[in-house]
Amino acid sequence: MADKAHGIIAVYSGNGKGKTTAALGCALRALGHDMKVLVVEFVKHIGRSGEHKIAEKIGNFSFY
């Protein structure tokens, strides 16, 4: 687990599926350890996905 004072940066890229699922799984685990989470996502279309909707309901979680 990352040191809370320094944090961690994880990058998920490539073709195919699973990147968002992997990133959110890591983010949720960090939240479970009382860490703050910021997810930066580069999307092809603008809209509110299920991920964006749930992020609004979770504390210490930002989704850009």
PDB file of N, CA and C in Angstrom:
ATOM      1  N   MET A   1       0.842  -1.174   0.000  1.00  0.00           N
ATOM      2  CA  MET A   1       0.000   0.000   0.000  1.00  0.00           C
ATOM      3  C   MET A   1       0.886   1.236   0.000  1.00  0.00           C
ATOM      4  N   ALA A   2       0.424   2.259  -0.642  1.00  0.00           N
ATOM      5  CA  ALA A   2       1.180   3.497  -0.754  1.00  0.00           C
ATOM      6  C   ALA A   2       1.243   4.227   0.583  1.00  0.00           C
ATOM      7  N   ASP A   3       2.315   4.935   0.775  1.00  0.00           N
ATOM      8  CA  ASP A   3       2.460   5.805   1.940  1.00  0.00           C
ATOM      9  C   ASP A   3       1.457   6.940   1.817  1.00  0.00           C
ATOM     10  N   LYS A   4       0.633   7.166   2.848  1.00  0.00           N
ATOM     11  CA  LYS A   4      -0.410   8.189   2.770  1.00  0.00           C
ATOM     12  C   LYS A   4       0.171   9.574   2.525  1.00  0.00           C
ATOM     13  N   ALA A   5       1.391   9.819   2.950  1.00  0.00           N
ATOM     14  CA  ALA A   5       1.992  11.138   2.757  1.00  0.00           C
ATOM     15  C   ALA A   5       2.389  11.364   1.302  1.00  0.00           C
ATOM     16  N   HIS A   6       2.654  10.308   0.562  1.00  0.00           N
ATOM     17  CA  HIS A   6       3.146  10.445  -0.799  1.00  0.00           C
ATOM     18  C   HIS A   6       2.152  10.015  -1.862  1.00  0.00           C
ATOM     19  N   GLY A   7       1.347   9.018  -1.586  1.00  0.00           N
ATOM     20  CA  GLY A   7       0.356   8.561  -2.550  1.00  0.00           C
ATOM     21  C   GLY A   7       0.932   7.681  -3.626  1.00  0.00           C
ATOM     22  N   ILE A   8       0.119   7.455  -4.647  1.00  0.00           N
ATOM     23  CA  ILE A   8       0.511   6.589  -5.760  1.00  0.00           C
ATOM     24  C   ILE A   8      -0.190   7.069  -7.022  1.00  0.00           C
ATOM     25  N   ILE A   9       0.473   6.897  -8.140  1.00  0.00           N
ATOM     26  CA  ILE A   9      -0.124   7.194  -9.447  1.00  0.00           C
ATOM     27  C   ILE A   9      -0.135   5.889 -10.226  1.00  0.00           C
ATOM     28  N   ALA A  10      -1.300   5.516 -10.730  1.00  0.00           N
ATOM     29  CA  ALA A  10      -1.426   4.314 -11.554  1.00  0.00           C
ATOM     30  C   ALA A  10      -2.018   4.729 -12.895  1.00  0.00           C
ATOM     31  N   VAL A  11      -1.453   4.200 -13.981  1.00  0.00           N
ATOM     32  CA  VAL A  11      -1.936   4.523 -15.325  1.00  0.00           C
ATOM     33  C   VAL A  11      -2.393   3.224 -15.984  1.00  0.00           C
ATOM     34  N   TYR A  12      -3.623   3.221 -16.455  1.00  0.00           N
ATOM     35  CA  TYR A  12      -4.174   2.078 -17.183  1.00  0.00           C
ATOM     36  C   TYR A  12      -4.416   2.530 -18.613  1.00  0.00           C
ATOM     37  N   SER A  13      -3.805   1.856 -19.566  1.00  0.00           N
ATOM     38  CA  SER A  13      -3.962   2.244 -20.966  1.00  0.00           C
ATOM     39  C   SER A  13      -3.984   1.011 -21.851  1.00  0.00           C
ATOM     40  N   GLY A  14      -4.290   1.226 -23.123  1.00  0.00           N
ATOM     41  CA  GLY A  14      -4.266   0.136 -24.082  1.00  0.00           C
ATOM     42  C   GLY A  14      -5.632  -0.138 -24.682  1.00  0.00           C
ATOM     43  N   ASN A  15      -5.643  -1.035 -25.643  1.00  0.00           N
ATOM     44  CA  ASN A  15      -6.879  -1.423 -26.315  1.00  0.00           C
ATOM     45  C   ASN A  15      -7.617  -2.462 -25.486  1.00  0.00           C
ATOM     46  N   GLY A  16      -8.873  -2.598 -25.759  1.00  0.00           N
ATOM     47  CA  GLY A  16      -9.654  -3.629 -25.091  1.00  0.00           C
ATOM     48  C   GLY A  16     -10.351  -3.113 -23.853  1.00  0.00           C
ATOM     49  N   LYS A  17     -10.908  -4.030 -23.106  1.00  0.00           N
ATOM     50  CA  LYS A  17     -11.727  -3.685 -21.952  1.00  0.00           C
ATOM     51  C   LYS A  17     -10.984  -3.947 -20.653  1.00  0.00           C
ATOM     52  N   GLY A  18     -11.527  -3.380 -19.574  1.00  0.00           N
ATOM     53  CA  GLY A  18     -11.006  -3.677 -18.244  1.00  0.00           C
ATOM     54  C   GLY A  18     -10.250  -2.555 -17.575  1.00  0.00           C
ATOM     55  N   LYS A  19      -9.904  -1.509 -18.313  1.00  0.00           N
ATOM     56  CA  LYS A  19      -9.116  -0.422 -17.725  1.00  0.00           C
ATOM     57  C   LYS A  19      -9.886   0.328 -16.651  1.00  0.00           C
ATOM     58  N   THR A  20     -11.122   0.699 -16.931  1.00  0.00           N
ATOM     59  CA  THR A  20     -11.923   1.426 -15.947  1.00  0.00           C
ATOM     60  C   THR A  20     -12.201   0.548 -14.744  1.00  0.00           C
ATOM     61  N   THR A  21     -12.510  -0.710 -14.979  1.00  0.00           N
ATOM     62  CA  THR A  21     -12.783  -1.639 -13.890  1.00  0.00           C
ATOM     63  C   THR A  21     -11.564  -1.787 -12.992  1.00  0.00           C
ATOM     64  N   ALA A  22     -10.388  -1.929 -13.574  1.00  0.00           N
ATOM     65  CA  ALA A  22      -9.159  -2.064 -12.791  1.00  0.00           C
ATOM     66  C   ALA A  22      -8.872  -0.796 -12.005  1.00  0.00           C
ATOM     67  N   ALA A  23      -9.030   0.356 -12.642  1.00  0.00           N
ATOM     68  CA  ALA A  23      -8.751   1.631 -11.975  1.00  0.00           C
ATOM     69  C   ALA A  23      -9.712   1.853 -10.812  1.00  0.00           C
ATOM     70  N   LEU A  24     -10.997   1.588 -11.023  1.00  0.00           N
ATOM     71  CA  LEU A  24     -11.969   1.795  -9.964  1.00  0.00           C
ATOM     72  C   LEU A  24     -11.798   0.789  -8.835  1.00  0.00           C
ATOM     73  N   GLY A  25     -11.384  -0.419  -9.150  1.00  0.00           N
ATOM     74  CA  GLY A  25     -11.097  -1.404  -8.105  1.00  0.00           C
ATOM     75  C   GLY A  25      -9.971  -0.925  -7.206  1.00  0.00           C
ATOM     76  N   CYS A  26      -8.919  -0.407  -7.799  1.00  0.00           N
ATOM     77  CA  CYS A  26      -7.799   0.143  -7.034  1.00  0.00           C
ATOM     78  C   CYS A  26      -8.249   1.350  -6.221  1.00  0.00           C
ATOM     79  N   ALA A  27      -9.066   2.201  -6.826  1.00  0.00           N
ATOM     80  CA  ALA A  27      -9.566   3.395  -6.140  1.00  0.00           C
ATOM     81  C   ALA A  27     -10.422   3.013  -4.941  1.00  0.00           C
ATOM     82  N   LEU A  28     -11.299   2.034  -5.098  1.00  0.00           N
ATOM     83  CA  LEU A  28     -12.165   1.618  -3.997  1.00  0.00           C
ATOM     84  C   LEU A  28     -11.372   1.000  -2.855  1.00  0.00           C
ATOM     85  N   ARG A  29     -10.319   0.269  -3.183  1.00  0.00           N
ATOM     86  CA  ARG A  29      -9.467  -0.292  -2.136  1.00  0.00           C
ATOM     87  C   ARG A  29      -8.787   0.817  -1.358  1.00  0.00           C
ATOM     88  N   ALA A  30      -8.318   1.860  -2.059  1.00  0.00           N
ATOM     89  CA  ALA A  30      -7.682   2.993  -1.385  1.00  0.00           C
ATOM     90  C   ALA A  30      -8.684   3.705  -0.478  1.00  0.00           C
ATOM     91  N   LEU A  31      -9.907   3.891  -0.959  1.00  0.00           N
ATOM     92  CA  LEU A  31     -10.947   4.512  -0.143  1.00  0.00           C
ATOM     93  C   LEU A  31     -11.210   3.696   1.114  1.00  0.00           C
ATOM     94  N   GLY A  32     -11.145   2.391   0.988  1.00  0.00           N
ATOM     95  CA  GLY A  32     -11.330   1.510   2.133  1.00  0.00           C
ATOM     96  C   GLY A  32     -10.256   1.688   3.194  1.00  0.00           C
ATOM     97  N   HIS A  33      -9.108   2.235   2.797  1.00  0.00           N
ATOM     98  CA  HIS A  33      -8.009   2.522   3.728  1.00  0.00           C
ATOM     99  C   HIS A  33      -7.967   4.004   4.086  1.00  0.00           C
ATOM    100  N   ASP A  34      -9.095   4.678   3.913  1.00  0.00           N
ATOM    101  CA  ASP A  34      -9.253   6.095   4.268  1.00  0.00           C
ATOM    102  C   ASP A  34      -8.312   7.027   3.512  1.00  0.00           C
ATOM    103  N   MET A  35      -7.977   6.671   2.279  1.00  0.00           N
ATOM    104  CA  MET A  35      -7.154   7.535   1.440  1.00  0.00           C
ATOM    105  C   MET A  35      -8.062   8.381   0.552  1.00  0.00           C
ATOM    106  N   LYS A  36      -7.571   9.533   0.119  1.00  0.00           N
ATOM    107  CA  LYS A  36      -8.286  10.353  -0.855  1.00  0.00           C
ATOM    108  C   LYS A  36      -7.965   9.812  -2.240  1.00  0.00           C
ATOM    109  N   VAL A  37      -8.930   9.893  -3.158  1.00  0.00           N
ATOM    110  CA  VAL A  37      -8.756   9.341  -4.498  1.00  0.00           C
ATOM    111  C   VAL A  37      -9.148  10.374  -5.539  1.00  0.00           C
ATOM    112  N   LEU A  38      -8.327  10.482  -6.569  1.00  0.00           N
ATOM    113  CA  LEU A  38      -8.629  11.293  -7.743  1.00  0.00           C
ATOM    114  C   LEU A  38      -8.461  10.409  -8.960  1.00  0.00           C
ATOM    115  N   VAL A  39      -9.489  10.298  -9.787  1.00  0.00           N
ATOM    116  CA  VAL A  39      -9.418   9.533 -11.027  1.00  0.00           C
ATOM    117  C   VAL A  39      -9.501  10.526 -12.172  1.00  0.00           C
ATOM    118  N   VAL A  40      -8.531  10.481 -13.070  1.00  0.00           N
ATOM    119  CA  VAL A  40      -8.536  11.313 -14.270  1.00  0.00           C
ATOM    120  C   VAL A  40      -8.767  10.384 -15.443  1.00  0.00           C
ATOM    121  N   GLU A  41      -9.802  10.685 -16.221  1.00  0.00           N
ATOM    122  CA  GLU A  41     -10.193   9.799 -17.317  1.00  0.00           C
ATOM    123  C   GLU A  41     -10.268  10.594 -18.615  1.00  0.00           C
ATOM    124  N   PHE A  42      -9.686  10.076 -19.646  1.00  0.00           N
ATOM    125  CA  PHE A  42      -9.792  10.664 -20.982  1.00  0.00           C
ATOM    126  C   PHE A  42     -10.833   9.847 -21.738  1.00  0.00           C
ATOM    127  N   VAL A  43     -11.970  10.468 -22.043  1.00  0.00           N
ATOM    128  CA  VAL A  43     -13.083   9.745 -22.648  1.00  0.00           C
ATOM    129  C   VAL A  43     -13.316  10.214 -24.076  1.00  0.00           C
ATOM    130  N   LYS A  44     -13.925   9.345 -24.864  1.00  0.00           N
ATOM    131  CA  LYS A  44     -14.224   9.665 -26.258  1.00  0.00           C
ATOM    132  C   LYS A  44     -15.514  10.454 -26.397  1.00  0.00           C
ATOM    133  N   HIS A  45     -16.411  10.305 -25.430  1.00  0.00           N
ATOM    134  CA  HIS A  45     -17.682  11.020 -25.469  1.00  0.00           C
ATOM    135  C   HIS A  45     -17.945  11.645 -24.105  1.00  0.00           C
ATOM    136  N   ILE A  46     -18.666  12.730 -24.102  1.00  0.00           N
ATOM    137  CA  ILE A  46     -18.987  13.406 -22.854  1.00  0.00           C
ATOM    138  C   ILE A  46     -20.376  12.973 -22.423  1.00  0.00           C
ATOM    139  N   GLY A  47     -20.475  12.544 -21.204  1.00  0.00           N
ATOM    140  CA  GLY A  47     -21.750  12.103 -20.647  1.00  0.00           C
ATOM    141  C   GLY A  47     -21.524  11.591 -19.250  1.00  0.00           C
ATOM    142  N   ARG A  48     -22.592  11.380 -18.541  1.00  0.00           N
ATOM    143  CA  ARG A  48     -22.472  10.888 -17.176  1.00  0.00           C
ATOM    144  C   ARG A  48     -22.686   9.386 -17.166  1.00  0.00           C
ATOM    145  N   SER A  49     -21.609   8.673 -16.924  1.00  0.00           N
ATOM    146  CA  SER A  49     -21.684   7.216 -16.850  1.00  0.00           C
ATOM    147  C   SER A  49     -22.053   6.800 -15.432  1.00  0.00           C
ATOM    148  N   GLY A  50     -22.259   5.533 -15.241  1.00  0.00           N
ATOM    149  CA  GLY A  50     -22.537   5.013 -13.911  1.00  0.00           C
ATOM    150  C   GLY A  50     -21.394   5.301 -12.951  1.00  0.00           C
ATOM    151  N   GLU A  51     -20.159   5.260 -13.463  1.00  0.00           N
ATOM    152  CA  GLU A  51     -18.999   5.560 -12.631  1.00  0.00           C
ATOM    153  C   GLU A  51     -19.058   6.996 -12.113  1.00  0.00           C
ATOM    154  N   HIS A  52     -19.433   7.923 -12.980  1.00  0.00           N
ATOM    155  CA  HIS A  52     -19.515   9.319 -12.568  1.00  0.00           C
ATOM    156  C   HIS A  52     -20.630   9.530 -11.546  1.00  0.00           C
ATOM    157  N   LYS A  53     -21.739   8.858 -11.740  1.00  0.00           N
ATOM    158  CA  LYS A  53     -22.865   9.011 -10.821  1.00  0.00           C
ATOM    159  C   LYS A  53     -22.526   8.494  -9.429  1.00  0.00           C
ATOM    160  N   ILE A  54     -21.875   7.345  -9.343  1.00  0.00           N
ATOM    161  CA  ILE A  54     -21.550   6.791  -8.031  1.00  0.00           C
ATOM    162  C   ILE A  54     -20.449   7.589  -7.356  1.00  0.00           C
ATOM    163  N   ALA A  55     -19.534   8.166  -8.129  1.00  0.00           N
ATOM    164  CA  ALA A  55     -18.450   8.962  -7.545  1.00  0.00           C
ATOM    165  C   ALA A  55     -19.006  10.148  -6.774  1.00  0.00           C
ATOM    166  N   GLU A  56     -20.132  10.698  -7.226  1.00  0.00           N
ATOM    167  CA  GLU A  56     -20.749  11.825  -6.534  1.00  0.00           C
ATOM    168  C   GLU A  56     -21.281  11.423  -5.159  1.00  0.00           C
ATOM    169  N   LYS A  57     -21.552  10.137  -4.977  1.00  0.00           N
ATOM    170  CA  LYS A  57     -22.133   9.656  -3.723  1.00  0.00           C
ATOM    171  C   LYS A  57     -21.082   9.182  -2.724  1.00  0.00           C
ATOM    172  N   ILE A  58     -19.838   9.026  -3.169  1.00  0.00           N
ATOM    173  CA  ILE A  58     -18.779   8.504  -2.314  1.00  0.00           C
ATOM    174  C   ILE A  58     -17.917   9.673  -1.825  1.00  0.00           C
ATOM    175  N   GLY A  59     -17.614   9.715  -0.544  1.00  0.00           N
ATOM    176  CA  GLY A  59     -16.747  10.757  -0.014  1.00  0.00           C
ATOM    177  C   GLY A  59     -15.281  10.518  -0.364  1.00  0.00           C
ATOM    178  N   ASN A  60     -14.489  11.567  -0.409  1.00  0.00           N
ATOM    179  CA  ASN A  60     -13.051  11.513  -0.700  1.00  0.00           C
ATOM    180  C   ASN A  60     -12.741  10.977  -2.095  1.00  0.00           C
ATOM    181  N   PHE A  61     -13.676  11.087  -3.024  1.00  0.00           N
ATOM    182  CA  PHE A  61     -13.483  10.528  -4.362  1.00  0.00           C
ATOM    183  C   PHE A  61     -13.797  11.609  -5.388  1.00  0.00           C
ATOM    184  N   SER A  62     -12.836  11.901  -6.244  1.00  0.00           N
ATOM    185  CA  SER A  62     -13.038  12.880  -7.324  1.00  0.00           C
ATOM    186  C   SER A  62     -12.816  12.196  -8.660  1.00  0.00           C
ATOM    187  N   PHE A  63     -13.627  12.544  -9.638  1.00  0.00           N
ATOM    188  CA  PHE A  63     -13.565  11.930 -10.959  1.00  0.00           C
ATOM    189  C   PHE A  63     -13.539  13.045 -11.990  1.00  0.00           C
ATOM    190  N   TYR A  64     -12.431  13.183 -12.712  1.00  0.00           N
ATOM    191  CA  TYR A  64     -12.300  14.230 -13.727  1.00  0.00           C
ATOM    192  C   TYR A  64     -12.055  13.614 -15.084  1.00  0.00           C
TER     193      TYR A  64
END
